[in-house]
C-alpha cells in the first residue's frame, strides 16, 4: 500500500498499527510496555505516550521515534 502524500497518520495511529501487525502473529501475547510513538519535540519527552485526541501527525520533515516491545511465546 502506498501512503505517499498522506497527512492524517498520528503518533497514536502509528503505535496502534504496529500492535495490529504484531497481533497477526499467532505467538504474540501482547505488548511489553506502551509504545513510545513520537515525532519532533515529543520525541524528547521521556516515556511519552501519545493520546488519541492530542497526538501529533507524523510527517516527513521531523524525526519519528517508535520504541516498543512485544511479548511472544
PDB file of N, CA and C in Angstrom:
ATOM      1  N   UNK A   1       0.839  -1.170   0.000  1.00  0.00           N
ATOM      2  CA  UNK A   1       0.000   0.000   0.000  1.00  0.00           C
ATOM      3  C   UNK A   1       0.882   1.229   0.000  1.00  0.00           C
ATOM      4  N   UNK A   2       0.581   2.191  -0.808  1.00  0.00           N
ATOM      5  CA  UNK A   2       1.353   3.422  -0.915  1.00  0.00           C
ATOM      6  C   UNK A   2       0.703   4.512  -0.060  1.00  0.00           C
ATOM      7  N   UNK A   3       1.453   5.020   0.912  1.00  0.00           N
ATOM      8  CA  UNK A   3       0.931   6.071   1.791  1.00  0.00           C
ATOM      9  C   UNK A   3       1.503   7.433   1.437  1.00  0.00           C
ATOM     10  N   UNK A   4       2.179   7.540   0.311  1.00  0.00           N
ATOM     11  CA  UNK A   4       2.813   8.798  -0.081  1.00  0.00           C
ATOM     12  C   UNK A   4       1.771   9.906  -0.150  1.00  0.00           C
ATOM     13  N   UNK A   5       2.084  11.025   0.485  1.00  0.00           N
ATOM     14  CA  UNK A   5       1.196  12.169   0.455  1.00  0.00           C
ATOM     15  C   UNK A   5       0.143  12.192   1.549  1.00  0.00           C
ATOM     16  N   UNK A   6       0.020  11.122   2.335  1.00  0.00           N
ATOM     17  CA  UNK A   6      -0.981  11.123   3.416  1.00  0.00           C
ATOM     18  C   UNK A   6      -0.585  12.119   4.483  1.00  0.00           C
ATOM     19  N   UNK A   7      -1.553  12.760   5.055  1.00  0.00           N
ATOM     20  CA  UNK A   7      -1.288  13.757   6.091  1.00  0.00           C
ATOM     21  C   UNK A   7      -2.145  13.526   7.330  1.00  0.00           C
ATOM     22  N   UNK A   8      -2.590  12.307   7.528  1.00  0.00           N
ATOM     23  CA  UNK A   8      -3.529  12.059   8.613  1.00  0.00           C
ATOM     24  C   UNK A   8      -3.114  10.938   9.559  1.00  0.00           C
ATOM     25  N   UNK A   9      -1.874  10.486   9.498  1.00  0.00           N
ATOM     26  CA  UNK A   9      -1.431   9.399  10.370  1.00  0.00           C
ATOM     27  C   UNK A   9      -0.788  10.008  11.617  1.00  0.00           C
ATOM     28  N   UNK A  10      -1.384   9.757  12.772  1.00  0.00           N
ATOM     29  CA  UNK A  10      -0.894  10.352  14.022  1.00  0.00           C
ATOM     30  C   UNK A  10       0.079   9.424  14.739  1.00  0.00           C
ATOM     31  N   UNK A  11       0.713   9.966  15.762  1.00  0.00           N
ATOM     32  CA  UNK A  11       1.593   9.168  16.622  1.00  0.00           C
ATOM     33  C   UNK A  11       0.810   7.982  17.200  1.00  0.00           C
ATOM     34  N   UNK A  12      -0.400   8.232  17.617  1.00  0.00           N
ATOM     35  CA  UNK A  12      -1.256   7.187  18.178  1.00  0.00           C
ATOM     36  C   UNK A  12      -1.550   6.127  17.119  1.00  0.00           C
ATOM     37  N   UNK A  13      -1.886   6.555  15.899  1.00  0.00           N
ATOM     38  CA  UNK A  13      -2.160   5.617  14.808  1.00  0.00           C
ATOM     39  C   UNK A  13      -0.952   4.720  14.538  1.00  0.00           C
ATOM     40  N   UNK A  14       0.253   5.305  14.567  1.00  0.00           N
ATOM     41  CA  UNK A  14       1.469   4.533  14.330  1.00  0.00           C
ATOM     42  C   UNK A  14       1.644   3.431  15.347  1.00  0.00           C
ATOM     43  N   UNK A  15       1.414   3.744  16.609  1.00  0.00           N
ATOM     44  CA  UNK A  15       1.541   2.745  17.675  1.00  0.00           C
ATOM     45  C   UNK A  15       0.492   1.648  17.526  1.00  0.00           C
ATOM     46  N   UNK A  16      -0.732   2.024  17.182  1.00  0.00           N
ATOM     47  CA  UNK A  16      -1.800   1.044  17.028  1.00  0.00           C
ATOM     48  C   UNK A  16      -1.560   0.139  15.817  1.00  0.00           C
ATOM     49  N   UNK A  17      -1.009   0.697  14.737  1.00  0.00           N
ATOM     50  CA  UNK A  17      -0.729  -0.094  13.542  1.00  0.00           C
ATOM     51  C   UNK A  17       0.346  -1.139  13.835  1.00  0.00           C
ATOM     52  N   UNK A  18       1.390  -0.751  14.569  1.00  0.00           N
ATOM     53  CA  UNK A  18       2.426  -1.711  14.933  1.00  0.00           C
ATOM     54  C   UNK A  18       1.822  -2.843  15.762  1.00  0.00           C
ATOM     55  N   UNK A  19       0.976  -2.502  16.721  1.00  0.00           N
ATOM     56  CA  UNK A  19       0.336  -3.533  17.543  1.00  0.00           C
ATOM     57  C   UNK A  19      -0.515  -4.454  16.664  1.00  0.00           C
ATOM     58  N   UNK A  20      -1.212  -3.912  15.687  1.00  0.00           N
ATOM     59  CA  UNK A  20      -2.031  -4.725  14.784  1.00  0.00           C
ATOM     60  C   UNK A  20      -1.168  -5.682  13.973  1.00  0.00           C
ATOM     61  N   UNK A  21      -0.015  -5.202  13.483  1.00  0.00           N
ATOM     62  CA  UNK A  21       0.906  -6.080  12.752  1.00  0.00           C
ATOM     63  C   UNK A  21       1.378  -7.231  13.644  1.00  0.00           C
ATOM     64  N   UNK A  22       1.725  -6.908  14.885  1.00  0.00           N
ATOM     65  CA  UNK A  22       2.191  -7.942  15.810  1.00  0.00           C
ATOM     66  C   UNK A  22       1.086  -8.949  16.112  1.00  0.00           C
ATOM     67  N   UNK A  23      -0.140  -8.469  16.264  1.00  0.00           N
ATOM     68  CA  UNK A  23      -1.266  -9.343  16.606  1.00  0.00           C
ATOM     69  C   UNK A  23      -1.540 -10.379  15.520  1.00  0.00           C
ATOM     70  N   UNK A  24      -1.069 -10.152  14.315  1.00  0.00           N
ATOM     71  CA  UNK A  24      -1.237 -11.117  13.231  1.00  0.00           C
ATOM     72  C   UNK A  24      -0.394 -12.378  13.454  1.00  0.00           C
ATOM     73  N   UNK A  25       0.614 -12.298  14.300  1.00  0.00           N
ATOM     74  CA  UNK A  25       1.490 -13.436  14.573  1.00  0.00           C
ATOM     75  C   UNK A  25       0.840 -14.309  15.639  1.00  0.00           C
ATOM     76  N   UNK A  26       0.716 -15.595  15.382  1.00  0.00           N
ATOM     77  CA  UNK A  26      -0.006 -16.483  16.294  1.00  0.00           C
ATOM     78  C   UNK A  26       0.639 -16.620  17.669  1.00  0.00           C
ATOM     79  N   UNK A  27       1.923 -16.353  17.804  1.00  0.00           N
ATOM     80  CA  UNK A  27       2.591 -16.476  19.102  1.00  0.00           C
ATOM     81  C   UNK A  27       2.658 -15.161  19.882  1.00  0.00           C
ATOM     82  N   UNK A  28       2.069 -14.107  19.334  1.00  0.00           N
ATOM     83  CA  UNK A  28       2.066 -12.800  20.004  1.00  0.00           C
ATOM     84  C   UNK A  28       1.137 -12.846  21.210  1.00  0.00           C
ATOM     85  N   UNK A  29       1.627 -12.368  22.361  1.00  0.00           N
ATOM     86  CA  UNK A  29       0.844 -12.382  23.594  1.00  0.00           C
ATOM     87  C   UNK A  29       0.517 -10.992  24.124  1.00  0.00           C
ATOM     88  N   UNK A  30       1.075  -9.950  23.530  1.00  0.00           N
ATOM     89  CA  UNK A  30       0.762  -8.597  23.974  1.00  0.00           C
ATOM     90  C   UNK A  30       1.995  -7.721  23.996  1.00  0.00           C
ATOM     91  N   UNK A  31       1.763  -6.467  24.311  1.00  0.00           N
ATOM     92  CA  UNK A  31       2.870  -5.510  24.394  1.00  0.00           C
ATOM     93  C   UNK A  31       3.633  -5.682  25.701  1.00  0.00           C
ATOM     94  N   UNK A  32       4.923  -5.409  25.663  1.00  0.00           N
ATOM     95  CA  UNK A  32       5.737  -5.410  26.878  1.00  0.00           C
ATOM     96  C   UNK A  32       5.535  -4.119  27.660  1.00  0.00           C
ATOM     97  N   UNK A  33       5.281  -3.049  26.934  1.00  0.00           N
ATOM     98  CA  UNK A  33       5.046  -1.728  27.517  1.00  0.00           C
ATOM     99  C   UNK A  33       4.335  -0.889  26.474  1.00  0.00           C
ATOM    100  N   UNK A  34       3.735   0.213  26.906  1.00  0.00           N
ATOM    101  CA  UNK A  34       3.059   1.107  25.964  1.00  0.00           C
ATOM    102  C   UNK A  34       4.086   1.679  24.993  1.00  0.00           C
ATOM    103  N   UNK A  35       3.774   1.651  23.723  1.00  0.00           N
ATOM    104  CA  UNK A  35       4.698   2.147  22.700  1.00  0.00           C
ATOM    105  C   UNK A  35       4.961   3.636  22.878  1.00  0.00           C
ATOM    106  N   UNK A  36       6.220   3.996  22.708  1.00  0.00           N
ATOM    107  CA  UNK A  36       6.608   5.406  22.671  1.00  0.00           C
ATOM    108  C   UNK A  36       6.639   5.766  21.192  1.00  0.00           C
ATOM    109  N   UNK A  37       5.588   6.395  20.719  1.00  0.00           N
ATOM    110  CA  UNK A  37       5.440   6.778  19.324  1.00  0.00           C
ATOM    111  C   UNK A  37       5.370   8.298  19.304  1.00  0.00           C
ATOM    112  N   UNK A  38       6.436   8.932  18.806  1.00  0.00           N
ATOM    113  CA  UNK A  38       6.507  10.393  18.935  1.00  0.00           C
ATOM    114  C   UNK A  38       7.253  11.030  17.770  1.00  0.00           C
ATOM    115  N   UNK A  39       6.879  12.258  17.484  1.00  0.00           N
ATOM    116  CA  UNK A  39       7.513  12.997  16.399  1.00  0.00           C
ATOM    117  C   UNK A  39       7.956  14.370  16.899  1.00  0.00           C
ATOM    118  N   UNK A  40       9.043  14.848  16.321  1.00  0.00           N
ATOM    119  CA  UNK A  40       9.536  16.185  16.643  1.00  0.00           C
ATOM    120  C   UNK A  40       9.861  16.355  18.103  1.00  0.00           C
ATOM    121  N   UNK A  41       9.388  17.442  18.686  1.00  0.00           N
ATOM    122  CA  UNK A  41       9.679  17.760  20.085  1.00  0.00           C
ATOM    123  C   UNK A  41       9.155  16.694  21.045  1.00  0.00           C
ATOM    124  N   UNK A  42       8.082  16.009  20.686  1.00  0.00           N
ATOM    125  CA  UNK A  42       7.545  14.960  21.559  1.00  0.00           C
ATOM    126  C   UNK A  42       8.542  13.825  21.755  1.00  0.00           C
ATOM    127  N   UNK A  43       9.440  13.615  20.791  1.00  0.00           N
ATOM    128  CA  UNK A  43      10.422  12.539  20.877  1.00  0.00           C
ATOM    129  C   UNK A  43      11.442  12.782  21.988  1.00  0.00           C
ATOM    130  N   UNK A  44      11.527  14.006  22.484  1.00  0.00           N
ATOM    131  CA  UNK A  44      12.454  14.331  23.567  1.00  0.00           C
ATOM    132  C   UNK A  44      11.834  14.119  24.947  1.00  0.00           C
ATOM    133  N   UNK A  45      10.546  13.784  24.989  1.00  0.00           N
ATOM    134  CA  UNK A  45       9.854  13.576  26.259  1.00  0.00           C
ATOM    135  C   UNK A  45      10.044  12.127  26.691  1.00  0.00           C
ATOM    136  N   UNK A  46      10.633  11.937  27.853  1.00  0.00           N
ATOM    137  CA  UNK A  46      10.903  10.592  28.367  1.00  0.00           C
ATOM    138  C   UNK A  46       9.583   9.857  28.600  1.00  0.00           C
ATOM    139  N   UNK A  47       9.483   8.635  28.099  1.00  0.00           N
ATOM    140  CA  UNK A  47       8.309   7.769  28.257  1.00  0.00           C
ATOM    141  C   UNK A  47       7.031   8.396  27.705  1.00  0.00           C
ATOM    142  N   UNK A  48       7.165   9.193  26.660  1.00  0.00           N
ATOM    143  CA  UNK A  48       5.999   9.821  26.024  1.00  0.00           C
ATOM    144  C   UNK A  48       5.051   8.750  25.497  1.00  0.00           C
ATOM    145  N   UNK A  49       3.769   8.905  25.761  1.00  0.00           N
ATOM    146  CA  UNK A  49       2.744   8.006  25.242  1.00  0.00           C
ATOM    147  C   UNK A  49       1.689   8.870  24.562  1.00  0.00           C
ATOM    148  N   UNK A  50       1.482   8.692  23.254  1.00  0.00           N
ATOM    149  CA  UNK A  50       0.528   9.546  22.554  1.00  0.00           C
ATOM    150  C   UNK A  50      -0.915   9.283  22.977  1.00  0.00           C
ATOM    151  N   UNK A  51      -1.648  10.338  23.139  1.00  0.00           N
ATOM    152  CA  UNK A  51      -3.073  10.262  23.443  1.00  0.00           C
ATOM    153  C   UNK A  51      -3.823  10.365  22.115  1.00  0.00           C
ATOM    154  N   UNK A  52      -4.835   9.568  21.946  1.00  0.00           N
ATOM    155  CA  UNK A  52      -5.579   9.538  20.681  1.00  0.00           C
ATOM    156  C   UNK A  52      -6.094  10.917  20.273  1.00  0.00           C
ATOM    157  N   UNK A  53      -6.529  11.716  21.244  1.00  0.00           N
ATOM    158  CA  UNK A  53      -7.139  13.017  20.939  1.00  0.00           C
ATOM    159  C   UNK A  53      -6.127  14.133  20.702  1.00  0.00           C
ATOM    160  N   UNK A  54      -4.917  13.998  21.252  1.00  0.00           N
ATOM    161  CA  UNK A  54      -3.950  15.096  21.162  1.00  0.00           C
ATOM    162  C   UNK A  54      -2.664  14.726  20.424  1.00  0.00           C
ATOM    163  N   UNK A  55      -2.587  13.523  19.875  1.00  0.00           N
ATOM    164  CA  UNK A  55      -1.366  13.060  19.204  1.00  0.00           C
ATOM    165  C   UNK A  55      -1.037  13.920  17.991  1.00  0.00           C
ATOM    166  N   UNK A  56       0.245  14.148  17.787  1.00  0.00           N
ATOM    167  CA  UNK A  56       0.714  14.904  16.621  1.00  0.00           C
ATOM    168  C   UNK A  56       0.651  14.024  15.376  1.00  0.00           C
ATOM    169  N   UNK A  57       0.557  14.678  14.234  1.00  0.00           N
ATOM    170  CA  UNK A  57       0.531  13.982  12.949  1.00  0.00           C
ATOM    171  C   UNK A  57       1.967  13.698  12.510  1.00  0.00           C
ATOM    172  N   UNK A  58       2.211  12.472  12.048  1.00  0.00           N
ATOM    173  CA  UNK A  58       3.529  12.088  11.545  1.00  0.00           C
ATOM    174  C   UNK A  58       3.748  12.752  10.194  1.00  0.00           C
ATOM    175  N   UNK A  59       4.952  13.298  10.001  1.00  0.00           N
ATOM    176  CA  UNK A  59       5.267  13.961   8.735  1.00  0.00           C
ATOM    177  C   UNK A  59       6.678  13.588   8.301  1.00  0.00           C
ATOM    178  N   UNK A  60       7.070  14.044   7.153  1.00  0.00           N
ATOM    179  CA  UNK A  60       8.405  13.703   6.642  1.00  0.00           C
ATOM    180  C   UNK A  60       9.415  14.828   6.833  1.00  0.00           C
ATOM    181  N   UNK A  61       9.121  15.750   7.736  1.00  0.00           N
ATOM    182  CA  UNK A  61      10.022  16.870   7.992  1.00  0.00           C
ATOM    183  C   UNK A  61      10.688  16.791   9.365  1.00  0.00           C
ATOM    184  N   UNK A  62      10.212  15.882  10.223  1.00  0.00           N
ATOM    185  CA  UNK A  62      10.755  15.740  11.574  1.00  0.00           C
ATOM    186  C   UNK A  62      11.091  14.268  11.822  1.00  0.00           C
ATOM    187  N   UNK A  63      11.945  14.038  12.802  1.00  0.00           N
ATOM    188  CA  UNK A  63      12.299  12.675  13.192  1.00  0.00           C
ATOM    189  C   UNK A  63      11.099  12.020  13.878  1.00  0.00           C
ATOM    190  N   UNK A  64      10.815  10.781  13.489  1.00  0.00           N
ATOM    191  CA  UNK A  64       9.758   9.986  14.120  1.00  0.00           C
ATOM    192  C   UNK A  64      10.421   8.872  14.923  1.00  0.00           C
ATOM    193  N   UNK A  65      10.066   8.758  16.198  1.00  0.00           N
ATOM    194  CA  UNK A  65      10.617   7.745  17.094  1.00  0.00           C
ATOM    195  C   UNK A  65       9.520   6.751  17.449  1.00  0.00           C
ATOM    196  N   UNK A  66       9.817   5.465  17.284  1.00  0.00           N
ATOM    197  CA  UNK A  66       8.894   4.413  17.702  1.00  0.00           C
ATOM    198  C   UNK A  66       9.682   3.389  18.501  1.00  0.00           C
ATOM    199  N   UNK A  67       9.452   3.387  19.807  1.00  0.00           N
ATOM    200  CA  UNK A  67      10.127   2.455  20.722  1.00  0.00           C
ATOM    201  C   UNK A  67       9.046   1.568  21.307  1.00  0.00           C
ATOM    202  N   UNK A  68       9.144   0.270  21.076  1.00  0.00           N
ATOM    203  CA  UNK A  68       8.089  -0.618  21.548  1.00  0.00           C
ATOM    204  C   UNK A  68       8.666  -1.987  21.880  1.00  0.00           C
ATOM    205  N   UNK A  69       7.868  -2.776  22.529  1.00  0.00           N
ATOM    206  CA  UNK A  69       8.271  -4.137  22.848  1.00  0.00           C
ATOM    207  C   UNK A  69       7.073  -5.063  22.808  1.00  0.00           C
ATOM    208  N   UNK A  70       7.290  -6.259  22.303  1.00  0.00           N
ATOM    209  CA  UNK A  70       6.214  -7.238  22.231  1.00  0.00           C
ATOM    210  C   UNK A  70       6.590  -8.515  22.937  1.00  0.00           C
ATOM    211  N   UNK A  71       5.594  -9.210  23.446  1.00  0.00           N
ATOM    212  CA  UNK A  71       5.824 -10.495  24.112  1.00  0.00           C
ATOM    213  C   UNK A  71       5.295 -11.621  23.231  1.00  0.00           C
ATOM    214  N   UNK A  72       6.137 -12.628  23.060  1.00  0.00           N
ATOM    215  CA  UNK A  72       5.779 -13.774  22.223  1.00  0.00           C
ATOM    216  C   UNK A  72       6.110 -15.059  22.970  1.00  0.00           C
ATOM    217  N   UNK A  73       5.422 -16.130  22.641  1.00  0.00           N
ATOM    218  CA  UNK A  73       5.770 -17.441  23.189  1.00  0.00           C
ATOM    219  C   UNK A  73       7.028 -17.944  22.506  1.00  0.00           C
TER     220      UNK A  73
END
